[in-house]
Amino acid sequence: MVNSQGYVRLRVNAPQAKSVIASLRGGTVLHKGRDGFWWGTTPTPEDEGFHYYHLTIDGGVFNDPGTENFFGSTRWESGVEVPAHDRDFYAMKQVPHGKVSQVWFWSESTKVYRRAFVYTPPEYDSSRKNVRYPVLYLQHGWGENEWGWWNQGHANLIMDNLIAEGRIEP
């Protein structure tokens, strides 16, 4: 949970654990409650945006089962998003939505099958076959993978909103 000031509150069910630490803010120590759940709040607010984190429970590193997994820092981790002041730009709105499809293709340079995620605008499947759409290639940075642009970066929602506002062409 993220409160209005940007502090992140965590709750973890680990009744047999002796120690639980979240990697947020350099190590947020959680404290065990009478119900067996471990609770903690980051000592200072997190910055706006997306943050990777993991849990260290009795010395073992685990992802938080209360969140989805995200690929960043060259590994799968938990994630939390602190709402940004400009979050309306990538918000889920009542507008027509496109879709993100997983596509497999053969790479001649690496001689293996590779995966890409392709966003298509809302009217793509119903449009005439001879309609051509421009292509924008987004490549992830170091330590992330092809999930990042749409799953963590909300590229699909940004595109949906910009198309609905008439600010870009599909």
Protein backbone atom coordinates (compact mmCIF):
# COMPACT_ATOMS: atom_id res chain seq x y z
CA MET A 1 0.00 0.00 0.00
CA VAL A 2 1.18 3.54 -0.76
CA ASN A 3 -0.27 6.40 1.26
CA SER A 4 -0.88 9.94 0.04
CA GLN A 5 2.58 11.08 1.22
CA GLY A 6 4.42 8.32 -0.68
CA TYR A 7 5.25 6.05 2.24
CA VAL A 8 5.01 2.35 1.38
CA ARG A 9 3.38 0.05 3.92
CA LEU A 10 4.02 -3.67 3.73
CA ARG A 11 2.26 -6.67 5.25
CA VAL A 12 3.72 -10.17 4.89
CA ASN A 13 2.39 -13.48 6.17
CA ALA A 14 5.42 -15.32 7.57
CA PRO A 15 4.38 -16.61 11.02
CA GLN A 16 7.48 -18.80 11.54
CA ALA A 17 10.00 -16.16 10.43
CA LYS A 18 12.47 -14.55 12.80
CA SER A 19 13.29 -11.57 10.56
CA VAL A 20 11.65 -9.85 7.56
CA ILE A 21 13.22 -6.94 5.69
CA ALA A 22 11.98 -5.24 2.51
CA SER A 23 14.69 -3.81 0.24
CA LEU A 24 12.85 -0.49 -0.14
CA ARG A 25 14.77 2.55 1.14
CA GLY A 26 17.90 0.50 1.73
CA GLY A 27 16.15 -1.96 4.00
CA THR A 28 12.82 -1.45 5.71
CA VAL A 29 12.62 -3.68 8.78
CA LEU A 30 9.20 -5.23 9.36
CA HIS A 31 7.89 -6.10 12.82
CA LYS A 32 5.86 -9.16 13.72
CA GLY A 33 2.31 -8.64 14.90
CA ARG A 34 0.31 -10.91 17.20
CA ASP A 35 -1.52 -12.32 14.18
CA GLY A 36 1.75 -13.69 12.68
CA PHE A 37 1.86 -11.05 9.96
CA TRP A 38 4.89 -8.82 9.61
CA TRP A 39 4.22 -5.10 9.17
CA GLY A 40 6.40 -2.18 8.23
CA THR A 41 6.46 1.27 6.64
CA THR A 42 9.34 2.83 4.75
CA PRO A 43 11.14 5.34 6.99
CA THR A 44 10.82 8.08 4.35
CA PRO A 45 8.54 8.54 1.35
CA GLU A 46 9.52 6.87 -1.92
CA ASP A 47 10.02 9.02 -5.00
CA GLU A 48 7.23 9.11 -7.57
CA GLY A 49 7.28 6.24 -10.02
CA PHE A 50 7.95 2.53 -10.12
CA HIS A 51 10.25 0.80 -7.63
CA TYR A 52 11.56 -2.76 -7.59
CA TYR A 53 11.99 -4.53 -4.27
CA HIS A 54 12.31 -7.94 -2.65
CA LEU A 55 11.94 -9.42 0.81
CA THR A 56 14.68 -10.97 2.89
CA ILE A 57 13.11 -13.49 5.26
CA ASP A 58 15.51 -15.16 7.68
CA GLY A 59 18.36 -14.51 5.23
CA GLY A 60 16.58 -15.88 2.13
CA VAL A 61 15.59 -13.54 -0.70
CA PHE A 62 12.01 -13.78 -1.96
CA ASN A 63 9.55 -11.83 -4.04
CA ASP A 64 6.55 -10.44 -2.20
CA PRO A 65 3.62 -12.81 -2.83
CA GLY A 66 1.29 -9.81 -2.45
CA THR A 67 2.46 -8.18 -5.70
CA GLU A 68 3.08 -9.17 -9.28
CA ASN A 69 6.60 -9.96 -10.43
CA PHE A 70 8.45 -7.52 -12.66
CA PHE A 71 11.73 -7.96 -14.50
CA GLY A 72 14.25 -5.31 -13.52
CA SER A 73 17.72 -5.12 -12.06
CA THR A 74 18.45 -8.21 -14.21
CA ARG A 75 16.08 -10.40 -12.18
CA TRP A 76 12.41 -10.90 -11.36
CA GLU A 77 11.40 -8.76 -8.40
CA SER A 78 8.35 -7.35 -6.71
CA GLY A 79 7.25 -3.85 -7.58
CA VAL A 80 5.34 -0.92 -6.17
CA GLU A 81 4.30 2.25 -7.96
CA VAL A 82 4.12 5.54 -6.13
CA PRO A 83 1.56 7.65 -8.01
CA ALA A 84 3.17 10.48 -9.93
CA HIS A 85 1.84 14.03 -10.20
CA ASP A 86 1.34 13.42 -13.94
CA ARG A 87 -0.30 9.99 -13.57
CA ASP A 88 -3.34 11.07 -15.59
CA PHE A 89 -1.09 10.72 -18.67
CA TYR A 90 -0.90 6.92 -18.19
CA ALA A 91 -4.10 6.29 -16.23
CA MET A 92 -6.59 3.58 -17.15
CA LYS A 93 -9.47 5.61 -18.59
CA GLN A 94 -12.82 4.90 -20.18
CA VAL A 95 -11.48 5.14 -23.73
CA PRO A 96 -11.19 2.50 -26.47
CA HIS A 97 -8.24 0.26 -25.68
CA GLY A 98 -5.80 -1.40 -28.02
CA LYS A 99 -4.07 -4.62 -27.15
CA VAL A 100 -0.61 -5.90 -26.43
CA SER A 101 0.22 -9.20 -28.12
CA GLN A 102 3.18 -11.49 -27.59
CA VAL A 103 4.87 -12.32 -30.89
CA TRP A 104 7.62 -14.88 -31.48
CA PHE A 105 10.01 -14.40 -34.40
CA TRP A 106 13.19 -15.99 -35.74
CA SER A 107 16.29 -13.86 -35.31
CA GLU A 108 18.87 -14.40 -38.04
CA SER A 109 21.55 -12.58 -36.04
CA THR A 110 21.24 -14.74 -32.91
CA LYS A 111 19.88 -17.90 -34.60
CA VAL A 112 17.18 -18.32 -31.95
CA TYR A 113 13.52 -17.44 -31.57
CA ARG A 114 12.98 -14.11 -29.87
CA ARG A 115 9.94 -12.56 -28.23
CA ALA A 116 8.45 -9.13 -28.79
CA PHE A 117 5.35 -7.42 -27.45
CA VAL A 118 3.35 -5.53 -30.04
CA TYR A 119 0.79 -2.83 -29.25
CA THR A 120 -1.98 -2.38 -31.80
CA PRO A 121 -4.53 0.46 -31.56
CA PRO A 122 -8.21 -0.16 -30.76
CA GLU A 123 -9.47 -0.26 -34.36
CA TYR A 124 -6.56 -2.34 -35.71
CA ASP A 125 -8.38 -5.69 -36.01
CA SER A 126 -11.47 -4.15 -37.62
CA SER A 127 -9.64 -1.90 -40.09
CA ARG A 128 -9.26 -2.68 -43.76
CA LYS A 129 -6.34 -4.92 -44.63
CA ASN A 130 -4.68 -2.25 -46.78
CA VAL A 131 -4.46 0.30 -43.96
CA ARG A 132 -0.85 0.92 -43.03
CA TYR A 133 0.13 1.95 -39.53
CA PRO A 134 3.38 3.60 -38.49
CA VAL A 135 5.71 1.63 -36.25
CA LEU A 136 7.51 2.84 -33.14
CA TYR A 137 10.12 0.45 -31.76
CA LEU A 138 10.76 0.68 -28.02
CA GLN A 139 13.72 -1.24 -26.70
CA HIS A 140 14.25 -1.86 -23.04
CA GLY A 141 17.29 -0.68 -21.20
CA TRP A 142 19.93 -2.60 -19.34
CA GLY A 143 18.62 -4.86 -16.62
CA GLU A 144 15.05 -5.00 -17.93
CA ASN A 145 13.30 -7.07 -20.55
CA GLU A 146 10.55 -6.66 -23.14
CA TRP A 147 7.83 -6.60 -20.45
CA GLY A 148 8.93 -3.22 -19.13
CA TRP A 149 7.48 -0.81 -21.67
CA TRP A 150 3.90 -1.94 -21.28
CA ASN A 151 3.81 -3.66 -17.87
CA GLN A 152 5.81 -1.14 -15.83
CA GLY A 153 5.86 1.82 -18.23
CA HIS A 154 2.19 1.73 -19.28
CA ALA A 155 3.06 2.44 -22.94
CA ASN A 156 -0.22 0.87 -24.07
CA LEU A 157 -2.30 3.10 -21.79
CA ILE A 158 -0.33 6.17 -22.87
CA MET A 159 -1.03 5.32 -26.52
CA ASP A 160 -4.74 4.64 -25.83
CA ASN A 161 -5.12 7.99 -24.06
CA LEU A 162 -3.23 9.99 -26.69
CA ILE A 163 -5.25 8.40 -29.51
CA ALA A 164 -8.55 9.07 -27.67
CA GLU A 165 -7.56 12.72 -27.11
CA GLY A 166 -6.71 13.09 -30.80
CA ARG A 167 -3.14 14.03 -29.95
CA ILE A 168 -1.64 11.24 -32.09
CA GLU A 169 -2.75 9.11 -35.01
CA PRO A 170 -3.24 5.37 -34.42
